[in-house]
Protein backbone atom coordinates (compact mmCIF):
# COMPACT_ATOMS: atom_id res chain seq x y z
CA UNK A 1 10.71 162.70 168.80
CA UNK A 2 9.64 161.73 172.33
CA UNK A 3 9.67 158.02 171.52
CA UNK A 4 13.14 158.32 170.00
CA UNK A 5 14.43 160.02 173.16
CA UNK A 6 12.83 157.71 175.73
CA UNK A 7 15.34 155.66 177.69
CA UNK A 8 12.66 152.99 178.08
CA UNK A 9 11.83 152.54 174.38
CA UNK A 10 13.48 149.09 174.40
CA UNK A 11 12.38 148.08 177.90
CA UNK A 12 9.45 145.97 179.06
CA UNK A 13 8.24 144.18 182.20
CA UNK A 14 10.24 141.07 181.35
CA UNK A 15 13.47 143.08 181.76
CA UNK A 16 12.78 143.73 185.45
CA UNK A 17 14.97 141.81 187.91
CA UNK A 18 12.98 141.26 191.11
CA UNK A 19 15.71 140.28 193.58
CA UNK A 20 17.16 141.73 195.76
CA UNK A 21 15.02 144.69 194.65
CA UNK A 22 13.30 145.61 191.38
CA UNK A 23 15.71 146.97 188.76
CA UNK A 24 16.47 146.76 185.08
CA UNK A 25 19.55 147.19 182.91
CA UNK A 26 19.14 148.20 179.28
CA UNK A 27 22.21 148.30 177.05
CA UNK A 28 21.95 150.38 173.88
CA UNK A 29 18.94 152.08 175.42
CA UNK A 30 18.85 154.77 172.73
CA UNK A 31 19.44 154.56 168.99
CA UNK A 32 23.17 154.86 168.33
CA UNK A 33 22.94 158.19 166.55
CA UNK A 34 20.84 159.69 169.35
CA UNK A 35 23.27 158.64 172.06
CA UNK A 36 26.23 159.87 170.01
CA UNK A 37 24.56 163.26 169.62
CA UNK A 38 24.00 163.52 173.37
CA UNK A 39 27.63 162.61 174.08
CA UNK A 40 28.92 165.02 171.43
CA UNK A 41 26.86 167.92 172.81
CA UNK A 42 27.19 167.08 176.52
CA UNK A 43 27.33 170.52 178.21
CA UNK A 44 30.81 171.58 179.34
CA UNK A 45 31.52 171.71 183.06
CA UNK A 46 32.17 175.44 182.73
CA UNK A 47 28.70 176.02 181.26
CA UNK A 48 27.24 174.26 184.31
CA UNK A 49 29.30 176.30 186.76
CA UNK A 50 31.48 173.34 187.81
CA UNK A 51 35.15 173.68 188.76
CA UNK A 52 36.88 171.00 186.70
CA UNK A 53 39.96 171.12 188.96
CA UNK A 54 38.05 169.51 191.84
CA UNK A 55 39.06 165.92 192.62
CA UNK A 56 36.41 163.31 191.72
CA UNK A 57 33.53 165.52 192.88
CA UNK A 58 29.94 164.61 191.98
CA UNK A 59 27.65 167.33 190.65
CA UNK A 60 24.13 167.51 189.25
CA UNK A 61 22.46 170.22 187.20
CA UNK A 62 18.74 169.95 187.92
CA UNK A 63 16.04 169.97 185.29
CA UNK A 64 14.59 173.18 186.69
CA UNK A 65 17.95 174.88 186.06
CA UNK A 66 18.63 173.85 182.45
CA UNK A 67 17.83 177.32 181.15
CA UNK A 68 20.89 178.59 183.02
CA UNK A 69 23.22 176.27 181.08
CA UNK A 70 24.83 178.33 178.33
CA UNK A 71 24.32 177.05 174.78
CA UNK A 72 22.42 173.91 175.81
CA UNK A 73 21.75 171.98 172.60
CA UNK A 74 18.14 171.42 171.46
CA UNK A 75 18.50 167.64 171.78
CA UNK A 76 19.60 167.97 175.41
CA UNK A 77 16.72 170.30 176.21
CA UNK A 78 14.23 167.87 174.67
CA UNK A 79 15.93 164.89 176.33
CA UNK A 80 15.64 166.39 179.80
CA UNK A 81 12.11 167.69 179.30
CA UNK A 82 10.88 164.27 178.21
CA UNK A 83 12.37 162.53 181.26
CA UNK A 84 10.51 164.83 183.66
CA UNK A 85 7.22 164.36 181.81
CA UNK A 86 4.00 162.52 182.63
CA UNK A 87 4.64 160.26 179.65
CA UNK A 88 7.98 159.04 180.98
CA UNK A 89 6.61 158.54 184.50
CA UNK A 90 3.78 156.45 183.08
CA UNK A 91 6.33 154.34 181.19
CA UNK A 92 8.24 153.69 184.41
CA UNK A 93 5.15 152.74 186.41
CA UNK A 94 3.85 150.50 183.63
CA UNK A 95 7.11 148.56 183.40
CA UNK A 96 7.42 148.24 187.18
CA UNK A 97 3.67 147.75 187.73
CA UNK A 98 3.83 144.41 189.55
CA UNK A 99 6.55 145.24 192.12
CA UNK A 100 5.10 148.73 192.68
CA UNK A 101 1.70 147.30 193.56
CA UNK A 102 3.36 144.80 195.90
CA UNK A 103 5.75 147.23 197.59
CA UNK A 104 3.72 150.44 197.69
CA UNK A 105 0.08 149.45 197.51
CA UNK A 106 -1.10 152.67 199.17
CA UNK A 107 0.17 154.56 196.11
CA UNK A 108 -0.35 151.90 193.44
CA UNK A 109 -3.41 149.69 193.73
CA UNK A 110 -3.49 147.77 190.45
CA UNK A 111 -1.01 145.44 188.78
CA UNK A 112 -2.20 146.10 185.24
CA UNK A 113 -3.18 149.74 184.86
CA UNK A 114 -0.86 152.49 183.71
CA UNK A 115 -0.69 154.57 186.86
CA UNK A 116 -1.40 158.17 186.00
CA UNK A 117 -0.16 159.71 189.22
CA UNK A 118 0.24 163.47 188.64
CA UNK A 119 3.81 164.72 188.29
CA UNK A 120 5.67 168.02 188.31
CA UNK A 121 9.24 169.06 187.60
CA UNK A 122 11.11 168.79 190.88
CA UNK A 123 11.53 172.01 192.86
CA UNK A 124 14.74 171.70 194.87
CA UNK A 125 13.33 173.85 197.66
CA UNK A 126 9.85 172.38 198.13
CA UNK A 127 8.26 169.13 197.04
CA UNK A 128 4.77 169.39 195.57
CA UNK A 129 2.08 167.98 197.92
CA UNK A 130 0.34 164.89 196.54
CA UNK A 131 2.46 164.69 193.40
CA UNK A 132 5.61 162.98 192.24
CA UNK A 133 8.42 165.46 191.63
CA UNK A 134 10.60 164.32 188.72
CA UNK A 135 14.18 165.29 187.97
CA UNK A 136 16.52 164.46 185.10
CA UNK A 137 19.90 165.84 186.06
CA UNK A 138 22.95 166.45 183.89
CA UNK A 139 25.40 164.76 186.21
CA UNK A 140 28.97 163.58 186.51
CA UNK A 141 32.16 163.30 188.50
CA UNK A 142 35.09 165.60 187.85
CA UNK A 143 38.45 164.08 186.82
CA UNK A 144 40.08 162.03 189.58
CA UNK A 145 43.49 163.06 190.89
CA UNK A 146 43.63 160.21 193.41
CA UNK A 147 41.81 156.88 193.74
CA UNK A 148 38.41 157.23 195.32
CA UNK A 149 34.85 155.94 195.30
CA UNK A 150 32.19 158.56 194.50
CA UNK A 151 29.73 156.90 196.93
CA UNK A 152 29.72 153.95 199.31
CA UNK A 153 26.92 151.42 199.72
CA UNK A 154 23.63 153.30 200.22
CA UNK A 155 19.95 153.59 199.44
CA UNK A 156 18.21 156.71 198.18
CA UNK A 157 16.08 158.86 200.49
CA UNK A 158 12.88 157.18 201.80
CA UNK A 159 10.73 159.61 199.82
CA UNK A 160 12.34 158.60 196.49
CA UNK A 161 10.25 156.25 194.34
CA UNK A 162 12.87 155.43 191.74
CA UNK A 163 16.44 156.22 190.78
CA UNK A 164 18.23 155.82 187.49
CA UNK A 165 21.56 156.33 185.76
CA UNK A 166 22.13 156.64 182.03
CA UNK A 167 25.80 156.51 181.10
CA UNK A 168 27.26 158.87 178.51
CA UNK A 169 30.88 157.78 178.48
CA UNK A 170 33.13 159.44 175.89
CA UNK A 171 34.67 157.10 173.34
CA UNK A 172 38.15 158.37 174.30
CA UNK A 173 37.56 157.74 178.02
CA UNK A 174 40.01 155.01 179.07
CA UNK A 175 39.47 155.46 182.81
CA UNK A 176 39.04 152.57 185.23
CA UNK A 177 36.28 152.33 187.83
CA UNK A 178 33.11 154.31 188.30
CA UNK A 179 30.96 151.19 187.80
CA UNK A 180 27.64 150.67 189.58
CA UNK A 181 27.33 147.80 192.07
CA UNK A 182 24.13 146.11 193.25
CA UNK A 183 24.14 144.69 196.79
CA UNK A 184 21.80 142.71 199.04
CA UNK A 185 21.48 142.47 202.80
CA UNK A 186 22.84 139.22 204.22
CA UNK A 187 20.32 136.42 204.67
CA UNK A 188 18.24 136.56 207.81
CA UNK A 189 18.29 140.33 208.25
CA UNK A 190 14.89 141.58 209.44
CA UNK A 191 13.51 145.02 208.63
CA UNK A 192 14.55 146.10 212.11
CA UNK A 193 18.11 144.87 211.70
CA UNK A 194 18.44 146.48 208.27
CA UNK A 195 17.12 149.74 209.72
CA UNK A 196 19.52 149.58 212.65
CA UNK A 197 22.60 148.88 210.57
CA UNK A 198 21.83 151.30 207.76
CA UNK A 199 23.90 154.43 207.30
CA UNK A 200 25.56 156.04 204.28
CA UNK A 201 28.40 153.70 203.40
CA UNK A 202 27.02 150.42 204.81
CA UNK A 203 29.76 148.14 206.15
CA UNK A 204 30.33 145.24 203.73
CA UNK A 205 30.02 142.74 206.59
CA UNK A 206 26.25 143.31 206.40
CA UNK A 207 25.84 142.83 202.64
CA UNK A 208 26.68 140.65 199.63
CA UNK A 209 27.64 141.85 196.15
CA UNK A 210 25.11 140.78 193.50
CA UNK A 211 26.18 142.47 190.28
CA UNK A 212 28.53 145.08 188.83
CA UNK A 213 27.29 147.17 185.90
CA UNK A 214 30.12 148.68 183.89
CA UNK A 215 30.30 152.39 183.22
CA UNK A 216 29.50 151.98 179.53
CA UNK A 217 27.98 154.44 177.07
CA UNK A 218 24.27 154.07 176.26
CA UNK A 219 23.58 151.88 179.31
CA UNK A 220 20.56 152.55 181.51
CA UNK A 221 20.11 151.28 185.08
CA UNK A 222 16.73 152.03 186.68
CA UNK A 223 15.47 150.75 190.04
CA UNK A 224 12.63 151.09 192.52
CA UNK A 225 13.88 152.51 195.79
CA UNK A 226 13.40 150.77 199.14
CA UNK A 227 15.37 149.74 202.21
CA UNK A 228 16.65 146.82 200.12
CA UNK A 229 17.84 148.95 197.17
CA UNK A 230 21.51 148.97 198.10
CA UNK A 231 23.96 150.24 195.50
CA UNK A 232 27.37 151.88 195.27
CA UNK A 233 29.99 153.14 192.81
CA UNK A 234 33.40 151.50 192.48
CA UNK A 235 36.68 153.29 193.04
CA UNK A 236 37.77 155.51 190.16
CA UNK A 237 41.48 155.44 189.43
CA UNK A 238 43.24 158.72 188.59
CA UNK A 239 42.05 160.02 185.24
CA UNK A 240 41.75 163.23 183.23
CA UNK A 241 38.30 162.17 182.08
CA UNK A 242 34.94 163.24 183.45
CA UNK A 243 32.40 160.57 184.38
CA UNK A 244 29.21 161.62 182.58
CA UNK A 245 25.63 160.48 183.03
CA UNK A 246 21.99 161.50 183.33
CA UNK A 247 20.55 161.02 186.83
CA UNK A 248 16.84 160.21 187.11
CA UNK A 249 14.66 160.42 190.19
CA UNK A 250 11.08 160.81 191.43
CA UNK A 251 10.40 162.15 194.91
CA UNK A 252 7.23 162.37 196.97
CA UNK A 253 6.39 164.78 199.79
CA UNK A 254 6.10 161.88 202.25
CA UNK A 255 8.21 158.78 202.95
CA UNK A 256 7.40 155.58 201.09
CA UNK A 257 9.08 153.50 203.80
CA UNK A 258 10.52 154.06 207.26
CA UNK A 259 13.72 153.00 208.96
CA UNK A 260 12.53 151.35 212.17
CA UNK A 261 15.38 149.64 214.06
CA UNK A 262 14.60 146.72 216.35
CA UNK A 263 14.52 147.78 220.05
CA UNK A 264 18.02 146.57 220.99
CA UNK A 265 19.56 148.19 217.90
CA UNK A 266 17.66 151.41 218.61
CA UNK A 267 19.14 151.47 222.13
CA UNK A 268 22.62 150.69 220.78
CA UNK A 269 22.36 153.58 218.34
CA UNK A 270 21.24 155.97 221.10
CA UNK A 271 24.25 154.96 223.21
CA UNK A 272 26.60 155.40 220.26
CA UNK A 273 25.27 158.90 219.56
CA UNK A 274 25.71 159.90 223.21
CA UNK A 275 29.28 158.59 223.24
CA UNK A 276 30.10 160.53 220.07
CA UNK A 277 28.64 163.79 221.39
């Protein structure tokens, strides 16, 4: 059962794109019948305590809270439990072994071993010391009443090792937008300049678009997080449909990288903050 539910059952190291950051895209990640069952039994917004009248609002039901979701189907319970397991984490670290050893050698010291770093299910109030806290969230965006982008260009938090999206689009969903975009910093940007210019919703003058991944059922996007791991979601046009996906993440109790602006950018940012306040 676990193998049949794994989003990485068709993935290998050769699927990893290295530039501008390590990521992979797997279409038809699950067997057709498995994906169809997940879409058919996707928990209603009401069962997750979500107000469907809200305009294009993102929500996530955390793995630790799945027992509160009324009438959660057995396949969904097994699906979530597998993707917060040691087995799934080991699959991720095996596939991304080479870039992990290069990027985060203090955590991962070998290119070839399956890294058995201990994991726990993520506690939303306190991260477990010395372990990776995994989450597999039933996620989505409520129907859109007006055009809007769920998120601008951003990276995940510095203590996040990886992030992933698995799309569960309904067959009847004819909405436009909600696609994932991969970006890179413009050539010549140092770590200090990237750190100084970074904020949620990075200005497009600092970046270049690399790839757009369509919001398409049974498509997995998984990436290793870093200061270079820029991504965003395209504008969703008005629609009565809900954008549905599973959100994957692994957090640590300490940062994997730091935002350290170059001295002149640090001073500029201090001046800007003083002017604002």
